[in-house]
Amino acid sequence: PMIGDHGATPNRGQLAAIRAFTRTPSGTVLIEANAGTGKTYVAGLANKVWEHEGIPVLGAAPTGKAVTELKAAGIERSRTFASLANHINQNRPLTELTGGVPGVLLGDELTMVHTREAELVLRTAVNEGFAVRGMGHSAQLQSVQAGGWFKQVTHQHKDELGEALVRLDEVIRQKSSDERKALNNLAARAPHKWVSYQ
C-alpha cells in the first residue's frame, strides 16, 4: 500500500526489487541492474517503506553526484563511501549518523566503489547491526581501485545469495521501445543489435 500511496507504478522487476529490499530476511540483498532500469527509483520507493516502518536509512555512494541522486530520491542521510570510511577511521560508529540505532545501509553504484572502502564500510555496518542493501551494474566500467568485487560477488556467489540477489534488466529511461530493446541488447552483450539500431 505504501508504494501506491505515492502515485508510483513500478514495473514487475522493480516491484520484485522493492520487495526483496524491504521483505527479505537476509542481512544483505543486492540488485544487479542495467543502466536506466530505475535503481534510484527503486531505492526511493524502498526508502518510503522503511520510513513508514521507522527504520533509519543511511545512503552510501562512490561519488558526490550519486549521493545527490540518493538525496533527491528521499534518502537524506547519504554520504560518499570515502566520507563513511573516514568517519569509521575516526573510531566513530555509523549509528551516530542514524540517530543512535542501526537501520539499513543502502549502497548505490557499488561497482564503482573502491574495494577497501567497500569492505570497511560494509563490514562495519554489518558488525553494528545494519541490514545491507546494495545496487550496481557489474558490466559498468570500473576504476582500477574498485577491483571488480561487486561482479565477483553477484556472479560467483549468485547461488548462495538466492533470493537476496535480484536482477533489473528492463530499461525504462528511454521512451522509444526500439531504443529500450537496443539498450537491453547492448547490456546483454549483443552490441551488433545496438549498432544496427544506430
Protein backbone atom coordinates (compact mmCIF):
# COMPACT_ATOMS: atom_id res chain seq x y z
CA PRO A 1 0.00 0.00 0.00
CA MET A 2 2.83 2.44 0.72
CA ILE A 3 4.07 2.24 -2.87
CA GLY A 4 0.69 3.03 -4.41
CA ASP A 5 0.14 5.82 -1.90
CA HIS A 6 2.89 7.82 -3.56
CA GLY A 7 1.49 7.57 -7.09
CA ALA A 8 4.27 5.28 -8.24
CA THR A 9 3.67 2.39 -10.58
CA PRO A 10 6.78 0.22 -10.57
CA ASN A 11 7.13 -2.49 -13.22
CA ARG A 12 7.33 -6.16 -12.21
CA GLY A 13 11.11 -6.20 -11.89
CA GLN A 14 11.16 -3.04 -9.81
CA LEU A 15 8.39 -4.36 -7.56
CA ALA A 16 10.36 -7.58 -7.02
CA ALA A 17 13.44 -5.50 -6.15
CA ILE A 18 11.47 -3.36 -3.67
CA ARG A 19 10.04 -6.48 -2.04
CA ALA A 20 13.48 -8.09 -1.83
CA PHE A 21 14.93 -4.93 -0.30
CA THR A 22 12.17 -4.49 2.27
CA ARG A 23 10.97 -8.03 2.96
CA THR A 24 13.88 -10.46 2.50
CA PRO A 25 15.04 -11.69 5.91
CA SER A 26 18.65 -11.91 4.72
CA GLY A 27 21.03 -9.35 6.18
CA THR A 28 22.30 -8.50 2.70
CA VAL A 29 20.32 -8.02 -0.53
CA LEU A 30 21.91 -6.97 -3.82
CA ILE A 31 20.34 -5.66 -7.00
CA GLU A 32 22.26 -6.23 -10.22
CA ALA A 33 20.78 -3.66 -12.60
CA ASN A 34 21.47 -2.39 -16.09
CA ALA A 35 21.73 1.36 -16.63
CA GLY A 36 18.34 3.04 -17.00
CA THR A 37 16.33 0.34 -15.21
CA GLY A 38 15.31 2.57 -12.30
CA LYS A 39 17.70 1.68 -9.48
CA THR A 40 17.35 5.09 -7.84
CA TYR A 41 13.58 4.94 -8.29
CA VAL A 42 13.54 1.56 -6.53
CA ALA A 43 15.74 2.95 -3.75
CA GLY A 44 13.37 5.89 -3.25
CA LEU A 45 10.30 3.65 -3.02
CA ALA A 46 12.03 1.21 -0.68
CA ASN A 47 13.01 4.19 1.45
CA LYS A 48 9.31 5.16 1.73
CA VAL A 49 8.56 1.69 3.12
CA TRP A 50 11.44 1.89 5.61
CA GLU A 51 10.39 5.40 6.66
CA HIS A 52 6.85 4.14 7.26
CA GLU A 53 8.27 1.35 9.44
CA GLY A 54 10.51 3.74 11.37
CA ILE A 55 13.74 2.23 10.05
CA PRO A 56 16.57 4.75 9.53
CA VAL A 57 18.38 4.57 6.20
CA LEU A 58 21.99 5.55 5.59
CA GLY A 59 22.78 6.00 1.89
CA ALA A 60 26.26 5.44 0.52
CA ALA A 61 27.66 6.03 -2.96
CA PRO A 62 31.09 6.43 -4.57
CA THR A 63 30.63 9.99 -5.87
CA GLY A 64 29.06 13.26 -4.83
CA LYS A 65 26.78 13.09 -7.88
CA ALA A 66 25.46 9.67 -6.86
CA VAL A 67 24.95 10.92 -3.29
CA THR A 68 22.95 13.87 -4.67
CA GLU A 69 20.75 11.42 -6.61
CA LEU A 70 20.12 9.36 -3.46
CA LYS A 71 19.16 12.51 -1.58
CA ALA A 72 16.83 13.52 -4.42
CA ALA A 73 15.18 10.09 -4.03
CA GLY A 74 14.46 10.98 -0.39
CA ILE A 75 17.45 9.32 1.29
CA GLU A 76 18.63 12.42 3.14
CA ARG A 77 21.30 10.70 5.23
CA SER A 78 23.56 9.90 2.29
CA ARG A 79 27.33 10.20 2.06
CA THR A 80 30.17 9.01 -0.10
CA PHE A 81 31.87 5.75 0.82
CA ALA A 82 35.08 7.77 1.33
CA SER A 83 33.30 10.00 3.86
CA LEU A 84 31.90 6.99 5.70
CA ALA A 85 35.32 5.30 5.72
CA ASN A 86 36.83 8.49 7.19
CA HIS A 87 34.06 8.54 9.82
CA ILE A 88 34.86 4.93 10.77
CA ASN A 89 38.62 5.59 10.81
CA GLN A 90 37.97 8.29 13.44
CA ASN A 91 36.55 5.49 15.65
CA ARG A 92 33.03 6.84 15.27
CA PRO A 93 30.12 4.40 14.83
CA LEU A 94 27.85 4.55 11.80
CA THR A 95 24.87 4.58 14.17
CA GLU A 96 25.98 8.11 15.08
CA LEU A 97 24.58 9.04 11.64
CA THR A 98 21.24 7.26 12.13
CA GLY A 99 20.08 8.57 15.49
CA GLY A 100 21.96 6.01 17.56
CA VAL A 101 20.23 2.93 16.14
CA PRO A 102 21.21 0.63 13.27
CA GLY A 103 18.92 0.56 10.28
CA VAL A 104 19.60 -0.03 6.59
CA LEU A 105 22.85 0.83 4.82
CA LEU A 106 21.86 1.39 1.19
CA GLY A 107 24.80 1.39 -1.21
CA ASP A 108 24.42 2.66 -4.77
CA GLU A 109 26.77 2.32 -7.77
CA LEU A 110 28.65 -0.41 -5.89
CA THR A 111 30.70 -1.40 -8.94
CA MET A 112 32.47 1.96 -8.72
CA VAL A 113 33.35 1.75 -5.02
CA HIS A 114 36.98 1.06 -4.13
CA THR A 115 37.33 -2.45 -2.73
CA ARG A 116 38.99 -1.36 0.54
CA GLU A 117 36.40 1.34 1.24
CA ALA A 118 33.55 -1.03 0.45
CA GLU A 119 34.98 -3.74 2.70
CA LEU A 120 35.49 -1.34 5.62
CA VAL A 121 32.07 0.32 5.39
CA LEU A 122 30.06 -2.85 4.73
CA ARG A 123 31.87 -4.88 7.41
CA THR A 124 31.37 -2.09 9.95
CA ALA A 125 27.69 -1.75 9.04
CA VAL A 126 27.09 -5.48 9.47
CA ASN A 127 29.01 -5.52 12.78
CA GLU A 128 26.86 -2.65 14.06
CA GLY A 129 23.65 -4.48 13.14
CA PHE A 130 22.69 -2.72 9.91
CA ALA A 131 20.90 -4.57 7.13
CA VAL A 132 22.88 -4.05 3.92
CA ARG A 133 21.16 -3.31 0.64
CA GLY A 134 23.19 -2.59 -2.47
CA MET A 135 22.79 -1.78 -6.15
CA GLY A 136 25.21 -1.90 -9.03
CA HIS A 137 25.79 -2.85 -12.65
CA SER A 138 28.67 -5.30 -12.99
CA ALA A 139 29.18 -4.56 -16.70
CA GLN A 140 29.81 -0.89 -15.89
CA LEU A 141 33.34 0.37 -16.34
CA GLN A 142 35.14 0.44 -13.01
CA SER A 143 38.05 2.31 -11.57
CA VAL A 144 41.18 0.23 -11.05
CA GLN A 145 40.78 0.58 -7.28
CA ALA A 146 37.25 -0.84 -7.47
CA GLY A 147 38.75 -4.21 -8.30
CA GLY A 148 35.58 -5.84 -9.63
CA TRP A 149 34.40 -7.10 -6.25
CA PHE A 150 30.70 -6.49 -6.95
CA LYS A 151 30.80 -8.57 -10.12
CA GLN A 152 32.63 -11.33 -8.28
CA VAL A 153 30.02 -11.41 -5.52
CA THR A 154 26.97 -11.25 -7.81
CA HIS A 155 28.28 -13.74 -10.37
CA GLN A 156 30.32 -16.24 -8.39
CA HIS A 157 28.04 -16.34 -5.34
CA LYS A 158 24.63 -16.00 -7.01
CA ASP A 159 23.51 -19.46 -5.86
CA GLU A 160 24.41 -18.66 -2.25
CA LEU A 161 22.62 -15.30 -2.45
CA GLY A 162 19.45 -16.91 -3.85
CA GLU A 163 16.51 -14.54 -3.33
CA ALA A 164 18.89 -11.96 -1.89
CA LEU A 165 20.08 -11.23 -5.45
CA VAL A 166 17.61 -9.50 -7.76
CA ARG A 167 18.22 -8.53 -11.38
CA LEU A 168 16.70 -5.47 -13.04
CA ASP A 169 17.06 -5.55 -16.80
CA GLU A 170 14.09 -3.68 -18.26
CA VAL A 171 15.34 -0.25 -19.36
CA ILE A 172 12.74 2.42 -18.61
CA ARG A 173 14.74 5.61 -19.10
CA GLN A 174 14.35 5.64 -22.89
CA LYS A 175 10.85 6.39 -24.22
CA SER A 176 11.15 4.59 -27.55
CA SER A 177 10.54 0.83 -27.29
CA ASP A 178 13.07 0.24 -30.11
CA GLU A 179 15.73 2.18 -28.21
CA ARG A 180 14.92 0.28 -24.99
CA LYS A 181 15.28 -3.05 -26.83
CA ALA A 182 18.56 -1.94 -28.38
CA LEU A 183 19.94 -0.87 -24.98
CA ASN A 184 18.78 -4.12 -23.38
CA ASN A 185 20.62 -6.00 -26.15
CA LEU A 186 23.73 -3.90 -25.54
CA ALA A 187 23.59 -4.68 -21.81
CA ALA A 188 23.13 -8.37 -22.69
CA ARG A 189 26.41 -8.16 -24.62
CA ALA A 190 24.82 -8.17 -28.09
CA PRO A 191 26.39 -4.93 -29.40
CA HIS A 192 25.66 -5.72 -33.05
CA LYS A 193 21.93 -5.12 -32.37
CA TRP A 194 22.73 -1.75 -30.79
CA VAL A 195 24.95 -0.80 -33.74
CA SER A 196 22.26 -1.77 -36.27
CA TYR A 197 19.73 0.32 -34.30
CA GLN A 198 22.01 3.37 -34.62
